[in-house]
Amino acid sequence: MASSRSQGGIQQLLAAEQEAQRIVNAAKNEKLARLKQAKEEAEKEIAEYRAQLEYEFQKKVSDTSGDSGANVKRLEQETEAKIHHLKKDSARISDDVVTMLLKYVTSVKN
């Protein structure tokens, strides 16, 4: 009777060990599933954040390129003004330059 009782106790211990192992395995599986879910959520947040930063970057680029167009227009106007000023100055002194050149070309020096 003692041996059957001892045998029953061992069986209960084995059954309890198997149940504990099943519980541990289930907990491990739940942990892995939760880690996978957390990783997916983190990747989704990263993608959303990256998209937001890219949008803000593109917006800044488009804003500065708009300013660049204004800068190009301003530079073109300044260039035209300088060209006009140079043409005006050259027209004003061209007679003097022609006279000076003729003087040096026609004069003979020994």
C-alpha atoms as a PDB file:
ATOM      1  CA  MET A   1       0.000   0.000   0.000  1.00  0.00           C
ATOM      2  CA  ALA A   2       2.856   2.347   0.738  1.00  0.00           C
ATOM      3  CA  SER A   3       4.398   1.632  -2.595  1.00  0.00           C
ATOM      4  CA  SER A   4       1.156   2.320  -4.443  1.00  0.00           C
ATOM      5  CA  ARG A   5       0.758   5.486  -2.475  1.00  0.00           C
ATOM      6  CA  SER A   6       4.329   6.450  -3.321  1.00  0.00           C
ATOM      7  CA  GLN A   7       3.660   5.509  -6.933  1.00  0.00           C
ATOM      8  CA  GLY A   8       0.570   7.751  -6.953  1.00  0.00           C
ATOM      9  CA  GLY A   9       2.575  10.618  -5.471  1.00  0.00           C
ATOM     10  CA  ILE A  10       5.239  10.249  -8.154  1.00  0.00           C
ATOM     11  CA  GLN A  11       2.555  10.235 -10.831  1.00  0.00           C
ATOM     12  CA  GLN A  12       1.078  13.398  -9.371  1.00  0.00           C
ATOM     13  CA  LEU A  13       4.510  15.014  -9.317  1.00  0.00           C
ATOM     14  CA  LEU A  14       5.135  14.030 -12.952  1.00  0.00           C
ATOM     15  CA  ALA A  15       1.711  15.361 -13.929  1.00  0.00           C
ATOM     16  CA  ALA A  16       2.383  18.597 -12.037  1.00  0.00           C
ATOM     17  CA  GLU A  17       5.788  18.911 -13.730  1.00  0.00           C
ATOM     18  CA  GLN A  18       4.226  18.401 -17.152  1.00  0.00           C
ATOM     19  CA  GLU A  19       1.548  20.975 -16.347  1.00  0.00           C
ATOM     20  CA  ALA A  20       4.213  23.420 -15.179  1.00  0.00           C
ATOM     21  CA  GLN A  21       6.195  22.819 -18.376  1.00  0.00           C
ATOM     22  CA  ARG A  22       3.054  23.426 -20.438  1.00  0.00           C
ATOM     23  CA  ILE A  23       2.408  26.694 -18.557  1.00  0.00           C
ATOM     24  CA  VAL A  24       6.035  27.815 -19.049  1.00  0.00           C
ATOM     25  CA  ASN A  25       5.887  26.997 -22.775  1.00  0.00           C
ATOM     26  CA  ALA A  26       2.603  28.890 -23.130  1.00  0.00           C
ATOM     27  CA  ALA A  27       4.136  31.894 -21.350  1.00  0.00           C
ATOM     28  CA  LYS A  28       7.181  31.764 -23.650  1.00  0.00           C
ATOM     29  CA  ASN A  29       4.934  31.637 -26.705  1.00  0.00           C
ATOM     30  CA  GLU A  30       2.862  34.564 -25.426  1.00  0.00           C
ATOM     31  CA  LYS A  31       6.046  36.508 -24.741  1.00  0.00           C
ATOM     32  CA  LEU A  32       7.355  35.855 -28.254  1.00  0.00           C
ATOM     33  CA  ALA A  33       4.008  36.845 -29.749  1.00  0.00           C
ATOM     34  CA  ARG A  34       3.977  40.069 -27.724  1.00  0.00           C
ATOM     35  CA  LEU A  35       7.576  40.866 -28.719  1.00  0.00           C
ATOM     36  CA  LYS A  36       6.667  40.323 -32.367  1.00  0.00           C
ATOM     37  CA  GLN A  37       3.629  42.578 -31.998  1.00  0.00           C
ATOM     38  CA  ALA A  38       5.706  45.259 -30.249  1.00  0.00           C
ATOM     39  CA  LYS A  39       8.301  45.096 -33.033  1.00  0.00           C
ATOM     40  CA  GLU A  40       5.607  45.512 -35.699  1.00  0.00           C
ATOM     41  CA  GLU A  41       4.099  48.468 -33.817  1.00  0.00           C
ATOM     42  CA  ALA A  42       7.535  50.083 -33.457  1.00  0.00           C
ATOM     43  CA  GLU A  43       8.251  49.615 -37.180  1.00  0.00           C
ATOM     44  CA  LYS A  44       4.893  51.189 -37.998  1.00  0.00           C
ATOM     45  CA  GLU A  45       5.650  54.195 -35.748  1.00  0.00           C
ATOM     46  CA  ILE A  46       9.098  54.542 -37.318  1.00  0.00           C
ATOM     47  CA  ALA A  47       7.599  54.494 -40.812  1.00  0.00           C
ATOM     48  CA  GLU A  48       5.033  57.144 -39.847  1.00  0.00           C
ATOM     49  CA  TYR A  49       7.713  59.337 -38.239  1.00  0.00           C
ATOM     50  CA  ARG A  50       9.996  58.940 -41.254  1.00  0.00           C
ATOM     51  CA  ALA A  51       7.133  59.882 -43.595  1.00  0.00           C
ATOM     52  CA  GLN A  52       6.383  62.967 -41.483  1.00  0.00           C
ATOM     53  CA  LEU A  53      10.043  64.058 -41.519  1.00  0.00           C
ATOM     54  CA  GLU A  54      10.245  63.473 -45.282  1.00  0.00           C
ATOM     55  CA  TYR A  55       7.098  65.567 -45.786  1.00  0.00           C
ATOM     56  CA  GLU A  56       8.521  68.411 -43.685  1.00  0.00           C
ATOM     57  CA  PHE A  57      11.831  68.198 -45.559  1.00  0.00           C
ATOM     58  CA  GLN A  58      10.122  68.303 -48.958  1.00  0.00           C
ATOM     59  CA  LYS A  59       8.020  71.254 -47.787  1.00  0.00           C
ATOM     60  CA  LYS A  60      11.160  73.150 -46.724  1.00  0.00           C
ATOM     61  CA  VAL A  61      12.862  72.309 -50.010  1.00  0.00           C
ATOM     62  CA  SER A  62       9.884  73.568 -51.990  1.00  0.00           C
ATOM     63  CA  ASP A  63       9.699  76.723 -49.860  1.00  0.00           C
ATOM     64  CA  THR A  64      13.375  77.499 -50.374  1.00  0.00           C
ATOM     65  CA  SER A  65      13.180  76.735 -54.079  1.00  0.00           C
ATOM     66  CA  GLY A  66      10.389  79.287 -54.287  1.00  0.00           C
ATOM     67  CA  ASP A  67      12.728  81.782 -52.647  1.00  0.00           C
ATOM     68  CA  SER A  68      15.387  80.677 -55.086  1.00  0.00           C
ATOM     69  CA  GLY A  69      13.107  81.723 -57.948  1.00  0.00           C
ATOM     70  CA  ALA A  70      12.749  85.147 -56.359  1.00  0.00           C
ATOM     71  CA  ASN A  71      16.523  85.328 -55.925  1.00  0.00           C
ATOM     72  CA  VAL A  72      17.065  84.435 -59.569  1.00  0.00           C
ATOM     73  CA  LYS A  73      14.650  87.144 -60.648  1.00  0.00           C
ATOM     74  CA  ARG A  74      16.375  89.694 -58.396  1.00  0.00           C
ATOM     75  CA  LEU A  75      19.795  88.700 -59.732  1.00  0.00           C
ATOM     76  CA  GLU A  76      18.559  89.010 -63.316  1.00  0.00           C
ATOM     77  CA  GLN A  77      17.271  92.513 -62.584  1.00  0.00           C
ATOM     78  CA  GLU A  78      20.568  93.517 -60.962  1.00  0.00           C
ATOM     79  CA  THR A  79      22.501  92.116 -63.925  1.00  0.00           C
ATOM     80  CA  GLU A  80      20.346  93.993 -66.398  1.00  0.00           C
ATOM     81  CA  ALA A  81      20.857  97.200 -64.428  1.00  0.00           C
ATOM     82  CA  LYS A  82      24.637  96.717 -64.430  1.00  0.00           C
ATOM     83  CA  ILE A  83      24.675  95.963 -68.163  1.00  0.00           C
ATOM     84  CA  HIS A  84      22.619  99.096 -68.825  1.00  0.00           C
ATOM     85  CA  HIS A  85      25.026 101.153 -66.676  1.00  0.00           C
ATOM     86  CA  LEU A  86      28.066  99.742 -68.526  1.00  0.00           C
ATOM     87  CA  LYS A  87      26.508 100.459 -71.936  1.00  0.00           C
ATOM     88  CA  LYS A  88      25.702 104.001 -70.863  1.00  0.00           C
ATOM     89  CA  ASP A  89      29.272 104.566 -69.595  1.00  0.00           C
ATOM     90  CA  SER A  90      30.817 103.062 -72.723  1.00  0.00           C
ATOM     91  CA  ALA A  91      28.628 105.230 -74.975  1.00  0.00           C
ATOM     92  CA  ARG A  92      29.661 108.292 -72.982  1.00  0.00           C
ATOM     93  CA  ILE A  93      33.406 107.678 -73.249  1.00  0.00           C
ATOM     94  CA  SER A  94      33.583 105.937 -76.629  1.00  0.00           C
ATOM     95  CA  ASP A  95      34.345 109.216 -78.473  1.00  0.00           C
ATOM     96  CA  ASP A  96      37.232 109.926 -76.108  1.00  0.00           C
ATOM     97  CA  VAL A  97      38.616 106.405 -76.562  1.00  0.00           C
ATOM     98  CA  VAL A  98      38.412 106.642 -80.359  1.00  0.00           C
ATOM     99  CA  THR A  99      40.189 110.006 -80.304  1.00  0.00           C
ATOM    100  CA  MET A 100      42.918 108.664 -78.025  1.00  0.00           C
ATOM    101  CA  LEU A 101      43.459 105.583 -80.201  1.00  0.00           C
ATOM    102  CA  LEU A 102      43.650 107.659 -83.372  1.00  0.00           C
ATOM    103  CA  LYS A 103      46.181 109.949 -81.718  1.00  0.00           C
ATOM    104  CA  TYR A 104      48.454 107.041 -80.773  1.00  0.00           C
ATOM    105  CA  VAL A 105      48.095 105.299 -84.133  1.00  0.00           C
ATOM    106  CA  THR A 106      48.806 108.411 -86.203  1.00  0.00           C
ATOM    107  CA  SER A 107      51.685 109.761 -84.168  1.00  0.00           C
ATOM    108  CA  VAL A 108      55.165 108.576 -85.089  1.00  0.00           C
ATOM    109  CA  LYS A 109      57.873 108.264 -82.506  1.00  0.00           C
ATOM    110  CA  ASN A 110      61.525 107.568 -83.083  1.00  0.00           C
END
